[in-house]
Amino acid sequence: MQIIVDDLLVTYEQNGKGKLLLLLHGWADDHKTFDYLLSSLSKKYQVMALDLPGFGDSQSPNEVWNLDNYTRFIAAFLMKLKLNPYAIIGHSNGGALAIRGLSDGVLKADKLVLLASAGIRNTNKTKRLVTKIVAKVGKISTFWLPKLTRQQLRRKLYGTIGSDMLVAPHLQETFKLTVSQDLQDDASKLNLPTLLINADRDPAIPISDAKLFNKLIKGSKLVVLESTSHFIHQEKNAEVVKIIEDFL
């Protein structure tokens, strides 16, 4: 299904009946990442997943956005459809959006589920430094190559250090703004039942980040899944669904 919100064409999927669960995907992903969750959870709930602007089949913004632009857009999307989420489920950057939007009141929900959520930004100075070095090296060492080949090689360089900046090259400046927003203060303001599900082998979100969020979010519960990487909702889909259903 598609709808126009704030002059942007947005693609979304909606299944089931009952209380609404809103699913927010991560950076450079789309709503299809939640296919199993959407199908399973829609047996008991109304479940909605959208392609955030710039990803999947949704139109890209005409300007550089940060987390606040995205949370306001999500709020406008829900308002247009006259929907109020019972729970928000966010993966990676989708979790960061949920934290930001709920902390400042732009988004409303009774419960929150964070799947390998991003948002701890200022404790990883070394990684940001390496990213800058790789960027410079990539430019210097590939300047003589054709543009397409140059982009592919630079994308691989960034991939070696776990950076998503070149995964969505049309949103590089938006990515820079997004990862500059640390959400520790936002997390400490949350006052709703919150479940964190993280993986023990996640190269993008270390367990230390999950434990810090768990400490900052009052009354939150942390579940760590073993032998699992960043896309926990796909790698251990049935287990994740069971944990979420028990929490809800």
Protein backbone atom coordinates (compact mmCIF):
# COMPACT_ATOMS: atom_id res chain seq x y z
CA MET A 1 0.00 0.00 0.00
CA GLN A 2 1.06 3.58 -0.61
CA ILE A 3 0.13 7.00 0.73
CA ILE A 4 1.41 10.54 0.34
CA VAL A 5 2.59 12.16 3.58
CA ASP A 6 4.18 15.63 3.60
CA ASP A 7 4.52 15.44 -0.19
CA LEU A 8 6.43 12.15 -0.04
CA LEU A 9 5.12 8.88 -1.44
CA VAL A 10 5.39 6.20 1.26
CA THR A 11 5.05 2.43 0.96
CA TYR A 12 3.74 0.41 3.89
CA GLU A 13 2.19 -2.93 4.80
CA GLN A 14 -0.59 -3.48 7.31
CA ASN A 15 -2.00 -6.79 8.52
CA GLY A 16 -4.14 -8.16 11.33
CA LYS A 17 -6.60 -6.66 13.78
CA GLY A 18 -6.47 -5.38 17.34
CA LYS A 19 -3.93 -3.22 19.10
CA LEU A 20 -1.45 -1.61 16.70
CA LEU A 21 2.22 -2.56 16.60
CA LEU A 22 4.39 -0.17 14.56
CA LEU A 23 7.59 -1.66 13.12
CA LEU A 24 10.50 0.67 12.27
CA HIS A 25 13.39 -0.71 10.22
CA GLY A 26 17.05 0.20 10.40
CA TRP A 27 19.36 2.19 8.15
CA ALA A 28 19.40 1.16 4.47
CA ASP A 29 16.77 -1.51 5.17
CA ASP A 30 13.04 -1.60 4.41
CA HIS A 31 9.80 -2.98 5.79
CA LYS A 32 10.42 -6.41 4.26
CA THR A 33 13.03 -7.05 6.94
CA PHE A 34 10.05 -7.65 9.23
CA ASP A 35 8.22 -10.15 7.00
CA TYR A 36 8.28 -12.94 9.61
CA LEU A 37 7.43 -10.65 12.52
CA LEU A 38 4.60 -9.02 10.61
CA SER A 39 3.12 -12.35 9.58
CA SER A 40 3.44 -13.90 13.04
CA LEU A 41 2.42 -10.95 15.21
CA SER A 42 -0.57 -10.11 13.00
CA LYS A 43 -2.30 -13.24 14.30
CA LYS A 44 -2.92 -11.38 17.57
CA TYR A 45 -2.36 -7.72 16.69
CA GLN A 46 -2.73 -5.17 13.96
CA VAL A 47 0.81 -4.77 12.62
CA MET A 48 2.16 -2.01 10.40
CA ALA A 49 5.59 -1.64 8.81
CA LEU A 50 6.59 1.20 6.51
CA ASP A 51 9.53 2.04 4.28
CA LEU A 52 11.00 5.17 5.85
CA PRO A 53 11.67 8.03 3.39
CA GLY A 54 14.71 7.27 1.23
CA PHE A 55 14.51 3.50 1.73
CA GLY A 56 12.69 0.65 0.04
CA ASP A 57 9.95 1.97 -2.22
CA SER A 58 9.41 5.24 -0.36
CA GLN A 59 10.41 8.58 -1.84
CA SER A 60 13.58 10.27 -0.61
CA PRO A 61 13.45 13.62 1.19
CA ASN A 62 14.51 16.64 -0.85
CA GLU A 63 16.79 17.86 1.92
CA VAL A 64 19.13 16.49 4.58
CA TRP A 65 17.26 14.95 7.52
CA ASN A 66 18.18 14.00 11.08
CA LEU A 67 16.38 11.81 13.62
CA ASP A 68 13.92 14.60 14.43
CA ASN A 69 12.85 14.97 10.81
CA TYR A 70 12.16 11.25 10.65
CA THR A 71 10.22 11.13 13.93
CA ARG A 72 8.04 14.05 12.86
CA PHE A 73 7.40 12.29 9.57
CA ILE A 74 6.38 9.08 11.36
CA ALA A 75 4.01 11.10 13.54
CA ALA A 76 2.50 12.73 10.43
CA PHE A 77 2.16 9.30 8.80
CA LEU A 78 0.25 7.93 11.82
CA MET A 79 -1.91 11.04 12.06
CA LYS A 80 -2.91 10.81 8.41
CA LEU A 81 -3.97 7.20 8.87
CA LYS A 82 -5.60 8.05 12.24
CA LEU A 83 -3.62 5.39 14.07
CA ASN A 84 -2.24 5.22 17.61
CA PRO A 85 0.40 2.53 18.28
CA TYR A 86 0.07 0.30 21.31
CA ALA A 87 3.73 -0.59 20.91
CA ILE A 88 6.63 0.51 18.74
CA ILE A 89 9.18 -2.10 17.67
CA GLY A 90 12.39 -0.64 16.25
CA HIS A 91 15.44 -2.39 14.83
CA SER A 92 18.85 -0.66 14.84
CA ASN A 93 18.28 2.93 13.63
CA GLY A 94 14.54 2.28 13.89
CA GLY A 95 15.10 1.81 17.60
CA ALA A 96 16.97 5.10 17.74
CA LEU A 97 14.01 6.80 16.06
CA ALA A 98 11.63 5.28 18.59
CA ILE A 99 13.75 6.43 21.53
CA ARG A 100 14.03 9.95 20.15
CA GLY A 101 10.36 10.30 19.23
CA LEU A 102 9.01 8.86 22.46
CA SER A 103 11.36 10.85 24.68
CA ASP A 104 10.28 14.22 23.30
CA GLY A 105 6.59 13.34 22.92
CA VAL A 106 6.49 13.42 19.13
CA LEU A 107 5.56 9.73 19.16
CA LYS A 108 3.18 8.01 21.59
CA ALA A 109 3.00 4.35 22.61
CA ASP A 110 2.26 2.21 25.66
CA LYS A 111 5.23 -0.12 25.18
CA LEU A 112 8.58 -0.17 23.39
CA VAL A 113 10.64 -3.01 21.94
CA LEU A 114 14.23 -2.27 20.89
CA LEU A 115 15.90 -4.81 18.60
CA ALA A 116 19.68 -4.24 18.54
CA SER A 117 18.93 -0.54 18.88
CA ALA A 118 21.40 2.12 17.81
CA GLY A 119 21.75 5.41 19.66
CA ILE A 120 24.86 5.23 21.85
CA ARG A 121 27.01 7.53 19.73
CA ASN A 122 29.64 9.31 21.80
CA THR A 123 31.45 6.29 23.25
CA ASN A 124 32.95 5.16 19.94
CA LYS A 125 35.44 7.86 19.02
CA THR A 126 37.94 5.34 17.69
CA LYS A 127 35.48 3.95 15.15
CA ARG A 128 34.59 7.45 13.93
CA LEU A 129 38.29 8.25 13.56
CA VAL A 130 38.85 5.08 11.54
CA THR A 131 35.85 5.97 9.38
CA LYS A 132 37.42 9.33 8.55
CA ILE A 133 40.76 7.70 7.75
CA VAL A 134 39.13 5.09 5.52
CA ALA A 135 37.20 7.85 3.74
CA LYS A 136 40.40 9.74 2.99
CA VAL A 137 42.29 6.63 1.94
CA GLY A 138 39.40 5.56 -0.24
CA LYS A 139 39.35 8.89 -2.05
CA ILE A 140 43.11 8.94 -2.57
CA SER A 141 43.55 5.34 -3.67
CA THR A 142 40.56 5.15 -6.03
CA PHE A 143 40.40 8.60 -7.62
CA TRP A 144 41.67 7.29 -10.97
CA LEU A 145 39.00 4.59 -11.32
CA PRO A 146 35.62 4.89 -13.10
CA LYS A 147 32.94 6.41 -10.84
CA LEU A 148 30.90 3.19 -10.39
CA THR A 149 33.98 1.10 -9.57
CA ARG A 150 35.21 3.82 -7.22
CA GLN A 151 31.93 3.80 -5.29
CA GLN A 152 31.91 0.00 -5.01
CA LEU A 153 35.47 -0.12 -3.64
CA ARG A 154 34.83 2.69 -1.15
CA ARG A 155 31.68 0.90 0.00
CA LYS A 156 33.76 -2.22 0.72
CA LEU A 157 36.30 -0.14 2.65
CA TYR A 158 33.57 1.24 4.88
CA GLY A 159 32.09 -2.21 5.28
CA THR A 160 35.32 -3.50 6.82
CA ILE A 161 34.80 -1.19 9.80
CA GLY A 162 31.04 -1.62 10.06
CA SER A 163 30.00 1.77 8.69
CA ASP A 164 26.66 2.10 6.88
CA MET A 165 27.40 5.51 5.34
CA LEU A 166 27.90 4.17 1.81
CA VAL A 167 25.17 1.54 2.01
CA ALA A 168 22.70 4.29 1.06
CA PRO A 169 24.94 6.71 -0.91
CA HIS A 170 22.05 9.05 -1.75
CA LEU A 171 21.63 9.75 1.99
CA GLN A 172 25.24 10.21 3.08
CA GLU A 173 24.69 13.64 4.64
CA THR A 174 21.56 12.41 6.41
CA PHE A 175 23.57 9.47 7.75
CA LYS A 176 26.22 11.82 9.13
CA LEU A 177 23.59 13.84 10.99
CA THR A 178 21.87 10.73 12.27
CA VAL A 179 24.97 9.13 13.78
CA SER A 180 25.98 12.42 15.40
CA GLN A 181 22.89 12.36 17.65
CA ASP A 182 23.60 10.56 20.92
CA LEU A 183 20.47 9.30 22.67
CA GLN A 184 21.61 8.61 26.21
CA ASP A 185 19.73 11.62 27.62
CA ASP A 186 16.66 10.66 25.58
CA ALA A 187 16.77 7.10 26.90
CA SER A 188 16.91 8.33 30.49
CA LYS A 189 13.66 10.27 29.92
CA LEU A 190 11.65 7.25 28.79
CA ASN A 191 8.91 6.17 31.15
CA LEU A 192 7.18 3.20 29.55
CA PRO A 193 7.68 -0.59 29.70
CA THR A 194 10.66 -1.30 27.46
CA LEU A 195 12.14 -4.57 26.20
CA LEU A 196 15.64 -4.70 24.73
CA ILE A 197 16.62 -7.71 22.61
CA ASN A 198 20.27 -7.85 21.59
CA ALA A 199 22.74 -10.31 20.09
CA ASP A 200 26.00 -11.50 21.58
CA ARG A 201 27.80 -11.39 18.22
CA ASP A 202 26.54 -8.10 16.85
CA PRO A 203 29.37 -6.23 15.05
CA ALA A 204 27.31 -3.04 14.86
CA ILE A 205 25.79 -2.80 18.37
CA PRO A 206 28.03 -4.13 21.16
CA ILE A 207 26.52 -5.63 24.29
CA SER A 208 27.98 -2.71 26.25
CA ASP A 209 25.57 -0.39 24.38
CA ALA A 210 22.63 -2.64 25.23
CA LYS A 211 23.60 -2.73 28.91
CA LEU A 212 23.94 1.06 28.96
CA PHE A 213 20.46 1.50 27.46
CA ASN A 214 19.15 -1.04 29.98
CA LYS A 215 20.61 1.03 32.79
CA LEU A 216 19.34 4.34 31.39
CA ILE A 217 15.76 3.24 30.61
CA LYS A 218 13.93 2.89 33.91
CA GLY A 219 12.47 -0.56 34.51
CA SER A 220 13.60 -1.92 31.15
CA LYS A 221 14.35 -5.59 30.52
CA LEU A 222 17.34 -6.83 28.49
CA VAL A 223 17.38 -10.20 26.71
CA VAL A 224 20.64 -11.29 25.03
CA LEU A 225 20.42 -13.99 22.36
CA GLU A 226 23.48 -16.18 21.85
CA SER A 227 25.18 -17.07 18.55
CA THR A 228 23.30 -14.28 16.83
CA SER A 229 24.31 -11.20 14.87
CA HIS A 230 22.73 -7.82 14.10
CA PHE A 231 19.57 -9.01 12.31
CA ILE A 232 18.28 -10.96 15.30
CA HIS A 233 14.66 -10.70 14.13
CA GLN A 234 15.59 -12.72 11.04
CA GLU A 235 18.23 -15.09 12.44
CA LYS A 236 16.11 -16.20 15.41
CA ASN A 237 12.71 -15.05 14.22
CA ALA A 238 10.50 -17.51 16.12
CA GLU A 239 12.35 -16.93 19.39
CA VAL A 240 12.16 -13.15 18.97
CA VAL A 241 8.42 -13.30 18.27
CA LYS A 242 7.86 -15.41 21.40
CA ILE A 243 9.85 -12.95 23.56
CA ILE A 244 7.94 -9.99 22.13
CA GLU A 245 4.54 -11.65 22.59
CA ASP A 246 5.31 -12.51 26.20
CA PHE A 247 6.36 -8.90 26.82
CA LEU A 248 3.27 -7.43 25.16
